[in-house]
Amino acid sequence: MTKLMSILTASALALSLSSGAFAAGDKAQDQPAYPKTQDQTAAPPSAEQSKKYEEYLVALKKCQDVQDPVKQQNCIEQARQKYNRM
């Protein structure tokens, strides 16, 4: 019985000491690994830019309906040129 109590006490002590190490490791995970770049902190697109982007997506959707692969590729290229996307 004494041996069992000493094993349980040692286990409890080991768990309590290791939980402090895990808690310290969790704090490091809260911070990002890489600093934010300028792109991530940039202002959101304006309403006009959003509208043009949606028009571009609509044009690409129309190109998906084209069955002929050559015509489909031409349609995509025309949409890219029209909306200045490369």
C-alpha atoms as a PDB file:
ATOM      1  CA  MET A   1       0.000   0.000   0.000  1.00  0.00           C
ATOM      2  CA  THR A   2       2.840   2.384   0.818  1.00  0.00           C
ATOM      3  CA  LYS A   3       4.496   1.596  -2.500  1.00  0.00           C
ATOM      4  CA  LEU A   4       1.263   2.399  -4.355  1.00  0.00           C
ATOM      5  CA  MET A   5       0.894   5.731  -2.541  1.00  0.00           C
ATOM      6  CA  SER A   6       4.460   6.749  -3.353  1.00  0.00           C
ATOM      7  CA  ILE A   7       3.928   5.871  -7.041  1.00  0.00           C
ATOM      8  CA  LEU A   8       0.692   7.879  -7.150  1.00  0.00           C
ATOM      9  CA  THR A   9       2.345  10.810  -5.381  1.00  0.00           C
ATOM     10  CA  ALA A  10       5.281  10.764  -7.799  1.00  0.00           C
ATOM     11  CA  SER A  11       2.898  10.589 -10.772  1.00  0.00           C
ATOM     12  CA  ALA A  12       0.827  13.494  -9.480  1.00  0.00           C
ATOM     13  CA  LEU A  13       3.974  15.541  -8.929  1.00  0.00           C
ATOM     14  CA  ALA A  14       5.246  14.749 -12.426  1.00  0.00           C
ATOM     15  CA  LEU A  15       1.901  15.742 -13.991  1.00  0.00           C
ATOM     16  CA  SER A  16       1.736  19.003 -12.067  1.00  0.00           C
ATOM     17  CA  LEU A  17       5.271  19.949 -13.124  1.00  0.00           C
ATOM     18  CA  SER A  18       4.727  19.048 -16.779  1.00  0.00           C
ATOM     19  CA  SER A  19       1.446  20.978 -17.032  1.00  0.00           C
ATOM     20  CA  GLY A  20       3.374  24.188 -16.341  1.00  0.00           C
ATOM     21  CA  ALA A  21       5.657  23.429 -19.271  1.00  0.00           C
ATOM     22  CA  PHE A  22       2.663  22.819 -21.549  1.00  0.00           C
ATOM     23  CA  ALA A  23       1.056  26.076 -20.441  1.00  0.00           C
ATOM     24  CA  ALA A  24       4.233  27.967 -21.309  1.00  0.00           C
ATOM     25  CA  GLY A  25       4.263  26.304 -24.736  1.00  0.00           C
ATOM     26  CA  ASP A  26       0.671  27.387 -25.412  1.00  0.00           C
ATOM     27  CA  LYS A  27       1.577  31.056 -25.017  1.00  0.00           C
ATOM     28  CA  ALA A  28       4.076  30.795 -27.859  1.00  0.00           C
ATOM     29  CA  GLN A  29       1.390  29.360 -30.147  1.00  0.00           C
ATOM     30  CA  ASP A  30      -0.853  32.402 -29.682  1.00  0.00           C
ATOM     31  CA  GLN A  31       1.618  34.614 -31.537  1.00  0.00           C
ATOM     32  CA  PRO A  32       1.872  34.296 -35.330  1.00  0.00           C
ATOM     33  CA  ALA A  33       4.934  32.531 -36.684  1.00  0.00           C
ATOM     34  CA  TYR A  34       5.486  35.233 -39.302  1.00  0.00           C
ATOM     35  CA  PRO A  35       4.937  38.973 -39.021  1.00  0.00           C
ATOM     36  CA  LYS A  36       2.071  40.436 -41.027  1.00  0.00           C
ATOM     37  CA  THR A  37       2.970  41.663 -44.472  1.00  0.00           C
ATOM     38  CA  GLN A  38       1.691  44.782 -46.107  1.00  0.00           C
ATOM     39  CA  ASP A  39      -0.794  42.773 -48.195  1.00  0.00           C
ATOM     40  CA  GLN A  40      -2.484  41.377 -45.094  1.00  0.00           C
ATOM     41  CA  THR A  41      -2.947  44.812 -43.565  1.00  0.00           C
ATOM     42  CA  ALA A  42      -4.108  46.542 -46.760  1.00  0.00           C
ATOM     43  CA  ALA A  43      -7.505  48.204 -46.929  1.00  0.00           C
ATOM     44  CA  PRO A  44     -10.384  46.185 -48.357  1.00  0.00           C
ATOM     45  CA  PRO A  45     -11.215  46.709 -52.034  1.00  0.00           C
ATOM     46  CA  SER A  46     -13.524  49.560 -52.960  1.00  0.00           C
ATOM     47  CA  ALA A  47     -17.077  49.022 -54.187  1.00  0.00           C
ATOM     48  CA  GLU A  48     -15.996  49.740 -57.766  1.00  0.00           C
ATOM     49  CA  GLN A  49     -13.205  47.171 -57.606  1.00  0.00           C
ATOM     50  CA  SER A  50     -15.598  44.591 -56.168  1.00  0.00           C
ATOM     51  CA  LYS A  51     -18.100  45.273 -58.947  1.00  0.00           C
ATOM     52  CA  LYS A  52     -15.452  44.899 -61.650  1.00  0.00           C
ATOM     53  CA  TYR A  53     -14.229  41.672 -60.069  1.00  0.00           C
ATOM     54  CA  GLU A  54     -17.759  40.268 -60.038  1.00  0.00           C
ATOM     55  CA  GLU A  55     -18.193  41.244 -63.697  1.00  0.00           C
ATOM     56  CA  TYR A  56     -14.949  39.418 -64.459  1.00  0.00           C
ATOM     57  CA  LEU A  57     -16.221  36.301 -62.680  1.00  0.00           C
ATOM     58  CA  VAL A  58     -19.489  36.444 -64.633  1.00  0.00           C
ATOM     59  CA  ALA A  59     -17.519  36.641 -67.882  1.00  0.00           C
ATOM     60  CA  LEU A  60     -15.467  33.599 -66.853  1.00  0.00           C
ATOM     61  CA  LYS A  61     -18.652  31.679 -65.970  1.00  0.00           C
ATOM     62  CA  LYS A  62     -19.953  32.339 -69.477  1.00  0.00           C
ATOM     63  CA  CYS A  63     -16.699  30.940 -70.858  1.00  0.00           C
ATOM     64  CA  GLN A  64     -17.233  27.704 -68.935  1.00  0.00           C
ATOM     65  CA  ASP A  65     -20.429  27.078 -70.890  1.00  0.00           C
ATOM     66  CA  VAL A  66     -18.554  27.076 -74.212  1.00  0.00           C
ATOM     67  CA  GLN A  67     -18.093  23.487 -75.414  1.00  0.00           C
ATOM     68  CA  ASP A  68     -15.268  23.956 -77.927  1.00  0.00           C
ATOM     69  CA  PRO A  69     -11.902  24.056 -76.069  1.00  0.00           C
ATOM     70  CA  VAL A  70     -10.338  26.519 -78.531  1.00  0.00           C
ATOM     71  CA  LYS A  71     -13.286  28.916 -78.306  1.00  0.00           C
ATOM     72  CA  GLN A  72     -13.345  28.510 -74.543  1.00  0.00           C
ATOM     73  CA  GLN A  73      -9.668  29.472 -74.283  1.00  0.00           C
ATOM     74  CA  ASN A  74     -10.244  32.479 -76.557  1.00  0.00           C
ATOM     75  CA  CYS A  75     -13.182  33.538 -74.385  1.00  0.00           C
ATOM     76  CA  ILE A  76     -11.046  33.333 -71.237  1.00  0.00           C
ATOM     77  CA  GLU A  77      -8.242  35.353 -72.845  1.00  0.00           C
ATOM     78  CA  GLN A  78     -10.701  38.022 -73.991  1.00  0.00           C
ATOM     79  CA  ALA A  79     -12.164  38.273 -70.488  1.00  0.00           C
ATOM     80  CA  ARG A  80      -8.678  38.619 -69.012  1.00  0.00           C
ATOM     81  CA  GLN A  81      -7.794  41.370 -71.470  1.00  0.00           C
ATOM     82  CA  LYS A  82     -11.091  43.199 -70.979  1.00  0.00           C
ATOM     83  CA  TYR A  83     -10.756  43.248 -67.191  1.00  0.00           C
ATOM     84  CA  ASN A  84      -6.955  43.653 -67.116  1.00  0.00           C
ATOM     85  CA  ARG A  85      -6.320  40.300 -65.450  1.00  0.00           C
ATOM     86  CA  MET A  86      -3.240  38.268 -66.236  1.00  0.00           C
END
